[in-house]
Amino acid sequence: MRYILLLIALAAALPAHAEIARSSVPKRQYAAEHPCPSTGKRSPAGCVGWTLDHRHALCAGGADSAENLQWMRADEAKRKDRVEKQYCAWLRKRPAP
């Protein structure tokens, strides 16, 4: 529920049809500064059961940067991704301003 409220709150400040740029650099930067919660490794690949997830969805105007990342348990991230997928689909259907 909290993810839905967050996404709704971000809707007003985003370009609905913007391209989403992605890079692997922010994930490496974040992992170097914030070790894996379960293993202590400083690599996204070395963190079994956890994933790096964007705090604010890219489709909702979130930046692809280390500041917008967080470690999240893989099962929780999948649940959050399902909600974001529905929200992003809704955004794409909105008429462009």
C-alpha atoms as a PDB file:
ATOM      1  CA  MET A   1       0.000   0.000   0.000  1.00  0.00           C
ATOM      2  CA  ARG A   2       2.784   2.413   0.874  1.00  0.00           C
ATOM      3  CA  TYR A   3       4.307   1.929  -2.596  1.00  0.00           C
ATOM      4  CA  ILE A   4       1.028   2.857  -4.263  1.00  0.00           C
ATOM      5  CA  LEU A   5       0.768   6.030  -2.197  1.00  0.00           C
ATOM      6  CA  LEU A   6       4.366   6.938  -3.005  1.00  0.00           C
ATOM      7  CA  LEU A   7       3.810   6.452  -6.720  1.00  0.00           C
ATOM      8  CA  ILE A   8       0.619   8.496  -6.695  1.00  0.00           C
ATOM      9  CA  ALA A   9       2.403  11.309  -4.880  1.00  0.00           C
ATOM     10  CA  LEU A  10       5.136  11.354  -7.523  1.00  0.00           C
ATOM     11  CA  ALA A  11       2.727  11.392 -10.467  1.00  0.00           C
ATOM     12  CA  ALA A  12       2.256  15.153 -10.548  1.00  0.00           C
ATOM     13  CA  ALA A  13       5.956  15.904 -11.011  1.00  0.00           C
ATOM     14  CA  LEU A  14       6.871  13.606 -13.850  1.00  0.00           C
ATOM     15  CA  PRO A  15       6.945  13.538 -17.611  1.00  0.00           C
ATOM     16  CA  ALA A  16       4.661  10.575 -18.357  1.00  0.00           C
ATOM     17  CA  HIS A  17       6.240   9.694 -21.695  1.00  0.00           C
ATOM     18  CA  ALA A  18       9.910  10.295 -20.873  1.00  0.00           C
ATOM     19  CA  GLU A  19      12.658   7.871 -21.849  1.00  0.00           C
ATOM     20  CA  ILE A  20      14.160   5.956 -18.951  1.00  0.00           C
ATOM     21  CA  ALA A  21      17.948   5.876 -19.058  1.00  0.00           C
ATOM     22  CA  ARG A  22      19.668   3.061 -17.134  1.00  0.00           C
ATOM     23  CA  SER A  23      23.250   2.355 -16.253  1.00  0.00           C
ATOM     24  CA  SER A  24      25.079  -0.295 -14.217  1.00  0.00           C
ATOM     25  CA  VAL A  25      27.423   2.336 -12.747  1.00  0.00           C
ATOM     26  CA  PRO A  26      25.037   3.565 -10.001  1.00  0.00           C
ATOM     27  CA  LYS A  27      24.528   0.000  -8.747  1.00  0.00           C
ATOM     28  CA  ARG A  28      28.281  -0.559  -8.486  1.00  0.00           C
ATOM     29  CA  GLN A  29      28.717   2.817  -6.742  1.00  0.00           C
ATOM     30  CA  TYR A  30      25.955   2.102  -4.231  1.00  0.00           C
ATOM     31  CA  ALA A  31      27.222  -1.411  -3.455  1.00  0.00           C
ATOM     32  CA  ALA A  32      30.753  -0.094  -2.935  1.00  0.00           C
ATOM     33  CA  GLU A  33      29.489   2.382  -0.320  1.00  0.00           C
ATOM     34  CA  HIS A  34      26.751   0.193   1.216  1.00  0.00           C
ATOM     35  CA  PRO A  35      27.750  -3.486   1.580  1.00  0.00           C
ATOM     36  CA  CYS A  36      25.211  -6.259   1.169  1.00  0.00           C
ATOM     37  CA  PRO A  37      23.056  -6.625   4.299  1.00  0.00           C
ATOM     38  CA  SER A  38      23.384 -10.417   4.359  1.00  0.00           C
ATOM     39  CA  THR A  39      26.965 -11.104   3.196  1.00  0.00           C
ATOM     40  CA  GLY A  40      28.807  -7.804   3.627  1.00  0.00           C
ATOM     41  CA  LYS A  41      30.118  -8.052   0.058  1.00  0.00           C
ATOM     42  CA  ARG A  42      30.513  -4.890  -1.972  1.00  0.00           C
ATOM     43  CA  SER A  43      29.082  -6.241  -5.209  1.00  0.00           C
ATOM     44  CA  PRO A  44      25.448  -6.544  -6.304  1.00  0.00           C
ATOM     45  CA  ALA A  45      26.215 -10.024  -7.663  1.00  0.00           C
ATOM     46  CA  GLY A  46      27.533 -11.170  -4.278  1.00  0.00           C
ATOM     47  CA  CYS A  47      24.326 -10.450  -2.389  1.00  0.00           C
ATOM     48  CA  VAL A  48      22.205 -13.593  -2.522  1.00  0.00           C
ATOM     49  CA  GLY A  49      18.526 -13.045  -1.686  1.00  0.00           C
ATOM     50  CA  TRP A  50      18.827  -9.268  -1.951  1.00  0.00           C
ATOM     51  CA  THR A  51      18.677  -6.860  -4.873  1.00  0.00           C
ATOM     52  CA  LEU A  52      19.332  -3.207  -5.503  1.00  0.00           C
ATOM     53  CA  ASP A  53      16.072  -1.439  -6.169  1.00  0.00           C
ATOM     54  CA  HIS A  54      15.226   2.144  -7.071  1.00  0.00           C
ATOM     55  CA  ARG A  55      13.494   3.931  -4.203  1.00  0.00           C
ATOM     56  CA  HIS A  56      11.490   6.053  -6.632  1.00  0.00           C
ATOM     57  CA  ALA A  57      10.506   4.262  -9.822  1.00  0.00           C
ATOM     58  CA  LEU A  58      12.282   5.405 -12.956  1.00  0.00           C
ATOM     59  CA  CYS A  59       8.946   5.689 -14.755  1.00  0.00           C
ATOM     60  CA  ALA A  60       7.758   8.030 -12.003  1.00  0.00           C
ATOM     61  CA  GLY A  61      10.670  10.414 -12.411  1.00  0.00           C
ATOM     62  CA  GLY A  62      13.151   8.665 -10.129  1.00  0.00           C
ATOM     63  CA  ALA A  63      16.797   9.088 -11.084  1.00  0.00           C
ATOM     64  CA  ASP A  64      19.037   6.209 -12.124  1.00  0.00           C
ATOM     65  CA  SER A  65      21.615   7.189  -9.511  1.00  0.00           C
ATOM     66  CA  ALA A  66      23.233   5.704  -6.419  1.00  0.00           C
ATOM     67  CA  GLU A  67      21.218   8.136  -4.274  1.00  0.00           C
ATOM     68  CA  ASN A  68      17.969   6.570  -5.525  1.00  0.00           C
ATOM     69  CA  LEU A  69      18.964   2.975  -4.736  1.00  0.00           C
ATOM     70  CA  GLN A  70      18.418   0.756  -1.723  1.00  0.00           C
ATOM     71  CA  TRP A  71      19.040  -2.854  -0.797  1.00  0.00           C
ATOM     72  CA  MET A  72      15.763  -4.741  -0.756  1.00  0.00           C
ATOM     73  CA  ARG A  73      14.942  -8.374  -0.139  1.00  0.00           C
ATOM     74  CA  ALA A  74      14.309 -10.030  -3.492  1.00  0.00           C
ATOM     75  CA  ASP A  75      10.735 -11.081  -2.638  1.00  0.00           C
ATOM     76  CA  GLU A  76       9.828  -7.561  -1.467  1.00  0.00           C
ATOM     77  CA  ALA A  77      11.393  -6.044  -4.586  1.00  0.00           C
ATOM     78  CA  LYS A  78       9.310  -8.328  -6.817  1.00  0.00           C
ATOM     79  CA  ARG A  79       6.150  -7.258  -5.014  1.00  0.00           C
ATOM     80  CA  LYS A  80       7.104  -3.581  -5.375  1.00  0.00           C
ATOM     81  CA  ASP A  81       7.968  -4.100  -9.058  1.00  0.00           C
ATOM     82  CA  ARG A  82       4.487  -5.532  -9.748  1.00  0.00           C
ATOM     83  CA  VAL A  83       2.873  -2.410  -8.307  1.00  0.00           C
ATOM     84  CA  GLU A  84       5.251  -0.132 -10.221  1.00  0.00           C
ATOM     85  CA  LYS A  85       4.577  -2.030 -13.461  1.00  0.00           C
ATOM     86  CA  GLN A  86       0.843  -1.380 -13.121  1.00  0.00           C
ATOM     87  CA  TYR A  87       1.463   2.252 -12.233  1.00  0.00           C
ATOM     88  CA  CYS A  88       3.818   2.777 -15.181  1.00  0.00           C
ATOM     89  CA  ALA A  89       1.269   1.231 -17.546  1.00  0.00           C
ATOM     90  CA  TRP A  90      -1.311   3.673 -16.195  1.00  0.00           C
ATOM     91  CA  LEU A  91       1.103   6.570 -16.742  1.00  0.00           C
ATOM     92  CA  ARG A  92       1.718   5.559 -20.349  1.00  0.00           C
ATOM     93  CA  LYS A  93      -2.033   5.580 -21.024  1.00  0.00           C
ATOM     94  CA  ARG A  94      -2.433   9.141 -19.734  1.00  0.00           C
ATOM     95  CA  PRO A  95      -2.689  11.779 -22.424  1.00  0.00           C
ATOM     96  CA  ALA A  96       0.512  13.749 -22.942  1.00  0.00           C
ATOM     97  CA  PRO A  97       0.316  17.323 -21.612  1.00  0.00           C
END
